[in-house]
Amino acid sequence: MSSLTVFYIGLFYFATFVLVAGLTYRIYEYWKTPAPLSIPTTPAPTTRTGAVFRVAREVALFESLFKSNKWIWVFGYLFHIGLALVLLRHVRYFSEPLYSFLVFIQPFGEYASFVMVAGLAGLWARRFLVDRVRYISTPSDHLILALLIAIGISGMSMTFVAHTDIVNLKGFVRGMMTLDFQPLPTDANLLVHLFLVALLMIIFPVSKLLHAPGVFFSPTRNQVDNPREKRHIAPWAAALERDNS
């Protein structure tokens, strides 16, 4: 194996470890963080089933964003729908055999990259063109968007500009999964794309992109609006109350 292949194998093992360990730790932190107050954003569901459906709508439809700002919702939804299709298309590099559903999704994922980048471009333009958003934007906000756009464009270049050997690429990816290491194609656009993806995996657990798992733990979304029917008290407060009684 070439030193380049060894470097990328090590890079992706490290990036995967950081991503999995970082997300696990963050989710554990979210899970353990107490919610001492009942603060669902009203109007809110009054049953647990309703709260589950509310979170589901938030995840699938970005309901609160749609209500607050239609333009941001459009660009955000374009990005996330495009990203979902692109990720589904990439499953072919990990799957053996290649199932019919993955074959069917390929052309949709191919052109969804344009939708994804267009959505990102709109979200980034907002940080320059809207005064109040520009004021609160930090360098990390711009760098994350630039990184995501660079990943999208470098990936599109392999589809529409300079094709890479996807058979050898799949062999490389599958080799990392099975410890049967295979050489990595040396196309420049592929190397850039993979490096940027690994970089995203490394910074994901410490970035604002953590809203992906964080939305499930938002008390304003997942709590039931039943303060008159049931007293809301955090476990630590209940224990303190028992000790003092």
C-alpha atoms as a PDB file:
ATOM      1  CA  MET A   1       0.000   0.000   0.000  1.00  0.00           C
ATOM      2  CA  SER A   2       1.119   3.526  -0.701  1.00  0.00           C
ATOM      3  CA  SER A   3       1.756   6.016   2.063  1.00  0.00           C
ATOM      4  CA  LEU A   4      -1.227   8.017   0.788  1.00  0.00           C
ATOM      5  CA  THR A   5      -3.549   5.048   1.290  1.00  0.00           C
ATOM      6  CA  VAL A   6      -2.148   4.447   4.770  1.00  0.00           C
ATOM      7  CA  PHE A   7      -2.654   8.120   5.634  1.00  0.00           C
ATOM      8  CA  TYR A   8      -6.307   8.113   4.581  1.00  0.00           C
ATOM      9  CA  ILE A   9      -7.004   4.814   6.335  1.00  0.00           C
ATOM     10  CA  GLY A  10      -5.586   6.232   9.559  1.00  0.00           C
ATOM     11  CA  LEU A  11      -7.409   9.515   9.032  1.00  0.00           C
ATOM     12  CA  PHE A  12     -10.800   7.855   8.643  1.00  0.00           C
ATOM     13  CA  TYR A  13     -10.306   5.508  11.572  1.00  0.00           C
ATOM     14  CA  PHE A  14      -9.418   8.508  13.717  1.00  0.00           C
ATOM     15  CA  ALA A  15     -12.310  10.593  12.362  1.00  0.00           C
ATOM     16  CA  THR A  16     -14.777   7.756  12.945  1.00  0.00           C
ATOM     17  CA  PHE A  17     -13.571   7.298  16.516  1.00  0.00           C
ATOM     18  CA  VAL A  18     -13.867  11.028  17.241  1.00  0.00           C
ATOM     19  CA  LEU A  19     -17.325  11.195  15.660  1.00  0.00           C
ATOM     20  CA  VAL A  20     -18.742   8.166  17.482  1.00  0.00           C
ATOM     21  CA  ALA A  21     -17.116   8.918  20.831  1.00  0.00           C
ATOM     22  CA  GLY A  22     -17.933  12.620  20.620  1.00  0.00           C
ATOM     23  CA  LEU A  23     -21.571  12.066  19.686  1.00  0.00           C
ATOM     24  CA  THR A  24     -21.968   9.422  22.377  1.00  0.00           C
ATOM     25  CA  TYR A  25     -20.592  11.791  24.999  1.00  0.00           C
ATOM     26  CA  ARG A  26     -22.721  14.708  23.815  1.00  0.00           C
ATOM     27  CA  ILE A  27     -25.901  12.650  23.739  1.00  0.00           C
ATOM     28  CA  TYR A  28     -25.094  11.353  27.218  1.00  0.00           C
ATOM     29  CA  GLU A  29     -24.700  14.957  28.387  1.00  0.00           C
ATOM     30  CA  TYR A  30     -28.029  15.917  26.839  1.00  0.00           C
ATOM     31  CA  TRP A  31     -29.689  12.898  28.428  1.00  0.00           C
ATOM     32  CA  LYS A  32     -28.352  13.697  31.903  1.00  0.00           C
ATOM     33  CA  THR A  33     -29.048  17.439  31.799  1.00  0.00           C
ATOM     34  CA  PRO A  34     -31.965  18.133  34.176  1.00  0.00           C
ATOM     35  CA  ALA A  35     -35.066  19.995  33.049  1.00  0.00           C
ATOM     36  CA  PRO A  36     -36.247  21.584  36.309  1.00  0.00           C
ATOM     37  CA  LEU A  37     -39.029  23.603  34.701  1.00  0.00           C
ATOM     38  CA  SER A  38     -41.950  22.774  32.447  1.00  0.00           C
ATOM     39  CA  ILE A  39     -41.305  25.055  29.474  1.00  0.00           C
ATOM     40  CA  PRO A  40     -42.980  23.684  26.322  1.00  0.00           C
ATOM     41  CA  THR A  41     -43.515  26.364  23.705  1.00  0.00           C
ATOM     42  CA  THR A  42     -47.248  26.959  23.492  1.00  0.00           C
ATOM     43  CA  PRO A  43     -49.536  25.974  21.943  1.00  0.00           C
ATOM     44  CA  ALA A  44     -48.177  22.609  22.984  1.00  0.00           C
ATOM     45  CA  PRO A  45     -49.579  19.063  23.053  1.00  0.00           C
ATOM     46  CA  THR A  46     -51.203  17.921  26.275  1.00  0.00           C
ATOM     47  CA  THR A  47     -50.335  14.231  25.885  1.00  0.00           C
ATOM     48  CA  ARG A  48     -47.084  12.285  25.553  1.00  0.00           C
ATOM     49  CA  THR A  49     -48.186  10.977  22.153  1.00  0.00           C
ATOM     50  CA  GLY A  50     -48.771  14.521  21.005  1.00  0.00           C
ATOM     51  CA  ALA A  51     -45.300  15.529  22.181  1.00  0.00           C
ATOM     52  CA  VAL A  52     -43.774  12.640  20.223  1.00  0.00           C
ATOM     53  CA  PHE A  53     -45.580  13.750  17.079  1.00  0.00           C
ATOM     54  CA  ARG A  54     -44.466  17.317  17.697  1.00  0.00           C
ATOM     55  CA  VAL A  55     -40.808  16.280  17.808  1.00  0.00           C
ATOM     56  CA  ALA A  56     -41.361  14.130  14.714  1.00  0.00           C
ATOM     57  CA  ARG A  57     -42.806  17.110  12.828  1.00  0.00           C
ATOM     58  CA  GLU A  58     -39.879  19.225  13.963  1.00  0.00           C
ATOM     59  CA  VAL A  59     -37.396  16.663  12.665  1.00  0.00           C
ATOM     60  CA  ALA A  60     -39.184  15.895   9.402  1.00  0.00           C
ATOM     61  CA  LEU A  61     -40.734  19.255   8.518  1.00  0.00           C
ATOM     62  CA  PHE A  62     -38.847  21.894  10.578  1.00  0.00           C
ATOM     63  CA  GLU A  63     -42.227  23.084  11.826  1.00  0.00           C
ATOM     64  CA  SER A  64     -41.053  25.866  14.138  1.00  0.00           C
ATOM     65  CA  LEU A  65     -38.676  27.249  11.510  1.00  0.00           C
ATOM     66  CA  PHE A  66     -41.484  27.268   8.948  1.00  0.00           C
ATOM     67  CA  LYS A  67     -43.644  29.299  11.315  1.00  0.00           C
ATOM     68  CA  SER A  68     -40.891  31.788  12.117  1.00  0.00           C
ATOM     69  CA  ASN A  69     -39.175  32.407   8.764  1.00  0.00           C
ATOM     70  CA  LYS A  70     -40.300  30.959   5.442  1.00  0.00           C
ATOM     71  CA  TRP A  71     -37.151  31.909   3.495  1.00  0.00           C
ATOM     72  CA  ILE A  72     -34.782  30.268   5.954  1.00  0.00           C
ATOM     73  CA  TRP A  73     -37.080  27.249   5.986  1.00  0.00           C
ATOM     74  CA  VAL A  74     -36.882  26.955   2.188  1.00  0.00           C
ATOM     75  CA  PHE A  75     -33.081  27.035   2.087  1.00  0.00           C
ATOM     76  CA  GLY A  76     -32.728  24.842   5.164  1.00  0.00           C
ATOM     77  CA  TYR A  77     -35.160  22.270   3.821  1.00  0.00           C
ATOM     78  CA  LEU A  78     -33.487  22.230   0.410  1.00  0.00           C
ATOM     79  CA  PHE A  79     -30.151  21.545   2.075  1.00  0.00           C
ATOM     80  CA  HIS A  80     -31.409  18.780   4.344  1.00  0.00           C
ATOM     81  CA  ILE A  81     -33.477  17.011   1.674  1.00  0.00           C
ATOM     82  CA  GLY A  82     -30.561  17.198  -0.746  1.00  0.00           C
ATOM     83  CA  LEU A  83     -28.179  15.946   1.932  1.00  0.00           C
ATOM     84  CA  ALA A  84     -30.448  13.011   2.778  1.00  0.00           C
ATOM     85  CA  LEU A  85     -30.591  11.888  -0.854  1.00  0.00           C
ATOM     86  CA  VAL A  86     -26.842  12.338  -1.298  1.00  0.00           C
ATOM     87  CA  LEU A  87     -26.132  10.269   1.811  1.00  0.00           C
ATOM     88  CA  LEU A  88     -28.493   7.539   0.622  1.00  0.00           C
ATOM     89  CA  ARG A  89     -26.652   7.498  -2.688  1.00  0.00           C
ATOM     90  CA  HIS A  90     -23.349   7.029  -0.857  1.00  0.00           C
ATOM     91  CA  VAL A  91     -24.612   3.897   0.907  1.00  0.00           C
ATOM     92  CA  ARG A  92     -23.592   1.984  -2.230  1.00  0.00           C
ATOM     93  CA  TYR A  93     -19.953   2.292  -1.157  1.00  0.00           C
ATOM     94  CA  PHE A  94     -20.678   0.410   2.064  1.00  0.00           C
ATOM     95  CA  SER A  95     -23.303  -2.080   0.906  1.00  0.00           C
ATOM     96  CA  GLU A  96     -22.642  -5.466  -0.639  1.00  0.00           C
ATOM     97  CA  PRO A  97     -24.764  -6.571  -2.425  1.00  0.00           C
ATOM     98  CA  LEU A  98     -26.196  -3.403  -3.936  1.00  0.00           C
ATOM     99  CA  TYR A  99     -29.919  -3.536  -3.221  1.00  0.00           C
ATOM    100  CA  SER A 100     -32.483  -2.447  -5.796  1.00  0.00           C
ATOM    101  CA  PHE A 101     -33.538   0.517  -3.677  1.00  0.00           C
ATOM    102  CA  LEU A 102     -29.984   1.865  -3.750  1.00  0.00           C
ATOM    103  CA  VAL A 103     -29.863   1.432  -7.516  1.00  0.00           C
ATOM    104  CA  PHE A 104     -33.169   3.289  -7.826  1.00  0.00           C
ATOM    105  CA  ILE A 105     -32.007   6.215  -5.678  1.00  0.00           C
ATOM    106  CA  GLN A 106     -28.756   6.846  -7.588  1.00  0.00           C
ATOM    107  CA  PRO A 107     -29.980   9.413 -10.168  1.00  0.00           C
ATOM    108  CA  PHE A 108     -31.974  11.274  -7.518  1.00  0.00           C
ATOM    109  CA  GLY A 109     -28.955  11.475  -5.241  1.00  0.00           C
ATOM    110  CA  GLU A 110     -26.786  12.556  -8.149  1.00  0.00           C
ATOM    111  CA  TYR A 111     -28.807  15.691  -8.875  1.00  0.00           C
ATOM    112  CA  ALA A 112     -29.747  16.276  -5.252  1.00  0.00           C
ATOM    113  CA  SER A 113     -26.196  17.554  -4.799  1.00  0.00           C
ATOM    114  CA  PHE A 114     -27.228  20.704  -6.695  1.00  0.00           C
ATOM    115  CA  VAL A 115     -30.175  21.147  -4.347  1.00  0.00           C
ATOM    116  CA  MET A 116     -27.942  20.650  -1.318  1.00  0.00           C
ATOM    117  CA  VAL A 117     -25.362  23.212  -2.440  1.00  0.00           C
ATOM    118  CA  ALA A 118     -28.078  25.690  -3.453  1.00  0.00           C
ATOM    119  CA  GLY A 119     -29.615  25.439   0.010  1.00  0.00           C
ATOM    120  CA  LEU A 120     -26.226  25.963   1.642  1.00  0.00           C
ATOM    121  CA  ALA A 121     -25.515  28.947  -0.592  1.00  0.00           C
ATOM    122  CA  GLY A 122     -28.798  30.530   0.469  1.00  0.00           C
ATOM    123  CA  LEU A 123     -28.062  29.945   4.150  1.00  0.00           C
ATOM    124  CA  TRP A 124     -24.574  31.403   3.758  1.00  0.00           C
ATOM    125  CA  ALA A 125     -25.817  34.430   1.796  1.00  0.00           C
ATOM    126  CA  ARG A 126     -28.228  35.130   4.645  1.00  0.00           C
ATOM    127  CA  ARG A 127     -25.274  35.571   6.995  1.00  0.00           C
ATOM    128  CA  PHE A 128     -23.968  38.371   4.769  1.00  0.00           C
ATOM    129  CA  LEU A 129     -27.175  40.022   3.585  1.00  0.00           C
ATOM    130  CA  VAL A 130     -29.352  40.104   6.717  1.00  0.00           C
ATOM    131  CA  ASP A 131     -28.023  42.703   9.151  1.00  0.00           C
ATOM    132  CA  ARG A 132     -29.111  41.084  12.401  1.00  0.00           C
ATOM    133  CA  VAL A 133     -27.826  37.675  11.295  1.00  0.00           C
ATOM    134  CA  ARG A 134     -24.528  39.130  10.087  1.00  0.00           C
ATOM    135  CA  TYR A 135     -24.084  40.803  13.475  1.00  0.00           C
ATOM    136  CA  ILE A 136     -24.339  37.550  15.438  1.00  0.00           C
ATOM    137  CA  SER A 137     -22.465  35.353  12.935  1.00  0.00           C
ATOM    138  CA  THR A 138     -19.090  34.072  14.098  1.00  0.00           C
ATOM    139  CA  PRO A 139     -16.138  32.834  12.019  1.00  0.00           C
ATOM    140  CA  SER A 140     -17.089  29.258  12.885  1.00  0.00           C
ATOM    141  CA  ASP A 141     -20.533  29.778  11.313  1.00  0.00           C
ATOM    142  CA  HIS A 142     -18.938  30.815   8.028  1.00  0.00           C
ATOM    143  CA  LEU A 143     -16.292  28.092   8.145  1.00  0.00           C
ATOM    144  CA  ILE A 144     -18.860  25.328   8.686  1.00  0.00           C
ATOM    145  CA  LEU A 145     -20.926  26.517   5.731  1.00  0.00           C
ATOM    146  CA  ALA A 146     -17.802  26.880   3.586  1.00  0.00           C
ATOM    147  CA  LEU A 147     -16.732  23.358   4.533  1.00  0.00           C
ATOM    148  CA  LEU A 148     -20.130  21.881   3.666  1.00  0.00           C
ATOM    149  CA  ILE A 149     -20.218  23.695   0.321  1.00  0.00           C
ATOM    150  CA  ALA A 150     -16.661  22.571  -0.455  1.00  0.00           C
ATOM    151  CA  ILE A 151     -17.637  18.967   0.301  1.00  0.00           C
ATOM    152  CA  GLY A 152     -20.639  19.287  -1.996  1.00  0.00           C
ATOM    153  CA  ILE A 153     -18.729  20.884  -4.873  1.00  0.00           C
ATOM    154  CA  SER A 154     -15.802  18.467  -4.656  1.00  0.00           C
ATOM    155  CA  GLY A 155     -18.243  15.569  -4.680  1.00  0.00           C
ATOM    156  CA  MET A 156     -20.124  16.991  -7.659  1.00  0.00           C
ATOM    157  CA  SER A 157     -16.851  17.390  -9.541  1.00  0.00           C
ATOM    158  CA  MET A 158     -16.349  13.621  -9.447  1.00  0.00           C
ATOM    159  CA  THR A 159     -19.778  13.094 -10.980  1.00  0.00           C
ATOM    160  CA  PHE A 160     -19.968  15.862 -13.550  1.00  0.00           C
ATOM    161  CA  VAL A 161     -16.366  16.951 -14.268  1.00  0.00           C
ATOM    162  CA  ALA A 162     -13.653  14.353 -13.676  1.00  0.00           C
ATOM    163  CA  HIS A 163     -14.908  10.867 -12.887  1.00  0.00           C
ATOM    164  CA  THR A 164     -13.124   8.732 -10.339  1.00  0.00           C
ATOM    165  CA  ASP A 165     -12.857   4.947 -10.237  1.00  0.00           C
ATOM    166  CA  ILE A 166     -15.831   4.117  -8.029  1.00  0.00           C
ATOM    167  CA  VAL A 167     -15.078   0.385  -8.134  1.00  0.00           C
ATOM    168  CA  ASN A 168     -11.662   0.922  -6.553  1.00  0.00           C
ATOM    169  CA  LEU A 169     -13.147   3.507  -4.212  1.00  0.00           C
ATOM    170  CA  LYS A 170     -15.725   0.998  -3.006  1.00  0.00           C
ATOM    171  CA  GLY A 171     -12.938  -1.528  -2.542  1.00  0.00           C
ATOM    172  CA  PHE A 172     -11.067   0.984  -0.395  1.00  0.00           C
ATOM    173  CA  VAL A 173     -14.141   1.750   1.734  1.00  0.00           C
ATOM    174  CA  ARG A 174     -15.141  -1.885   2.116  1.00  0.00           C
ATOM    175  CA  GLY A 175     -11.539  -2.747   2.900  1.00  0.00           C
ATOM    176  CA  MET A 176     -11.564  -0.401   5.877  1.00  0.00           C
ATOM    177  CA  MET A 177     -14.745  -2.083   7.093  1.00  0.00           C
ATOM    178  CA  THR A 178     -13.391  -5.624   6.768  1.00  0.00           C
ATOM    179  CA  LEU A 179      -9.701  -4.888   7.504  1.00  0.00           C
ATOM    180  CA  ASP A 180      -8.858  -6.120   4.001  1.00  0.00           C
ATOM    181  CA  PHE A 181      -7.191  -2.892   2.951  1.00  0.00           C
ATOM    182  CA  GLN A 182      -7.243  -1.867  -0.707  1.00  0.00           C
ATOM    183  CA  PRO A 183      -5.415   0.986  -2.480  1.00  0.00           C
ATOM    184  CA  LEU A 184      -7.133   4.355  -2.660  1.00  0.00           C
ATOM    185  CA  PRO A 185      -7.588   6.012  -6.085  1.00  0.00           C
ATOM    186  CA  THR A 186      -5.352   9.066  -6.324  1.00  0.00           C
ATOM    187  CA  ASP A 187      -7.653  11.491  -8.144  1.00  0.00           C
ATOM    188  CA  ALA A 188      -7.114  14.977  -6.729  1.00  0.00           C
ATOM    189  CA  ASN A 189     -10.810  15.816  -6.403  1.00  0.00           C
ATOM    190  CA  LEU A 190     -11.439  12.529  -4.568  1.00  0.00           C
ATOM    191  CA  LEU A 191      -8.577  13.148  -2.147  1.00  0.00           C
ATOM    192  CA  VAL A 192      -9.856  16.652  -1.415  1.00  0.00           C
ATOM    193  CA  HIS A 193     -13.406  15.380  -0.961  1.00  0.00           C
ATOM    194  CA  LEU A 194     -12.395  12.611   1.432  1.00  0.00           C
ATOM    195  CA  PHE A 195     -10.145  14.908   3.447  1.00  0.00           C
ATOM    196  CA  LEU A 196     -12.937  17.452   3.875  1.00  0.00           C
ATOM    197  CA  VAL A 197     -15.411  14.734   4.885  1.00  0.00           C
ATOM    198  CA  ALA A 198     -12.977  13.437   7.503  1.00  0.00           C
ATOM    199  CA  LEU A 199     -12.480  16.985   8.774  1.00  0.00           C
ATOM    200  CA  LEU A 200     -16.249  17.404   9.102  1.00  0.00           C
ATOM    201  CA  MET A 201     -16.482  14.142  11.048  1.00  0.00           C
ATOM    202  CA  ILE A 202     -13.795  15.341  13.458  1.00  0.00           C
ATOM    203  CA  ILE A 203     -15.317  18.744  14.187  1.00  0.00           C
ATOM    204  CA  PHE A 204     -18.954  17.593  14.189  1.00  0.00           C
ATOM    205  CA  PRO A 205     -19.128  16.761  17.936  1.00  0.00           C
ATOM    206  CA  VAL A 206     -17.899  20.248  18.892  1.00  0.00           C
ATOM    207  CA  SER A 207     -19.830  22.265  16.320  1.00  0.00           C
ATOM    208  CA  LYS A 208     -23.265  23.829  16.038  1.00  0.00           C
ATOM    209  CA  LEU A 209     -24.224  20.910  13.806  1.00  0.00           C
ATOM    210  CA  LEU A 210     -25.084  19.112  17.042  1.00  0.00           C
ATOM    211  CA  HIS A 211     -28.596  20.479  16.668  1.00  0.00           C
ATOM    212  CA  ALA A 212     -29.165  17.214  14.774  1.00  0.00           C
ATOM    213  CA  PRO A 213     -29.315  15.063  17.939  1.00  0.00           C
ATOM    214  CA  GLY A 214     -30.021  18.036  20.195  1.00  0.00           C
ATOM    215  CA  VAL A 215     -33.517  18.642  18.835  1.00  0.00           C
ATOM    216  CA  PHE A 216     -34.689  15.400  20.454  1.00  0.00           C
ATOM    217  CA  PHE A 217     -33.690  16.717  23.890  1.00  0.00           C
ATOM    218  CA  SER A 218     -35.187  20.205  23.601  1.00  0.00           C
ATOM    219  CA  PRO A 219     -37.609  20.686  26.533  1.00  0.00           C
ATOM    220  CA  THR A 220     -39.531  23.329  24.603  1.00  0.00           C
ATOM    221  CA  ARG A 221     -40.407  20.624  22.073  1.00  0.00           C
ATOM    222  CA  ASN A 222     -40.522  17.306  23.918  1.00  0.00           C
ATOM    223  CA  GLN A 223     -42.398  18.303  27.065  1.00  0.00           C
ATOM    224  CA  VAL A 224     -46.121  17.842  27.608  1.00  0.00           C
ATOM    225  CA  ASP A 225     -48.174  20.929  28.433  1.00  0.00           C
ATOM    226  CA  ASN A 226     -49.978  19.587  31.507  1.00  0.00           C
ATOM    227  CA  PRO A 227     -48.838  21.734  34.467  1.00  0.00           C
ATOM    228  CA  ARG A 228     -52.329  21.776  35.986  1.00  0.00           C
ATOM    229  CA  GLU A 229     -52.841  18.031  35.727  1.00  0.00           C
ATOM    230  CA  LYS A 230     -49.378  16.908  36.790  1.00  0.00           C
ATOM    231  CA  ARG A 231     -46.671  18.549  38.828  1.00  0.00           C
ATOM    232  CA  HIS A 232     -43.380  18.791  36.967  1.00  0.00           C
ATOM    233  CA  ILE A 233     -40.409  18.226  39.243  1.00  0.00           C
ATOM    234  CA  ALA A 234     -36.848  17.242  38.412  1.00  0.00           C
ATOM    235  CA  PRO A 235     -35.555  14.016  40.030  1.00  0.00           C
ATOM    236  CA  TRP A 236     -32.931  15.872  42.053  1.00  0.00           C
ATOM    237  CA  ALA A 237     -35.557  18.305  43.339  1.00  0.00           C
ATOM    238  CA  ALA A 238     -37.865  15.432  44.270  1.00  0.00           C
ATOM    239  CA  ALA A 239     -35.047  13.755  46.189  1.00  0.00           C
ATOM    240  CA  LEU A 240     -34.267  17.001  48.011  1.00  0.00           C
ATOM    241  CA  GLU A 241     -37.926  17.432  48.868  1.00  0.00           C
ATOM    242  CA  ARG A 242     -38.118  13.902  50.281  1.00  0.00           C
ATOM    243  CA  ASP A 243     -35.018  14.463  52.390  1.00  0.00           C
ATOM    244  CA  ASN A 244     -36.458  17.652  53.874  1.00  0.00           C
ATOM    245  CA  SER A 245     -39.878  16.212  54.610  1.00  0.00           C
END
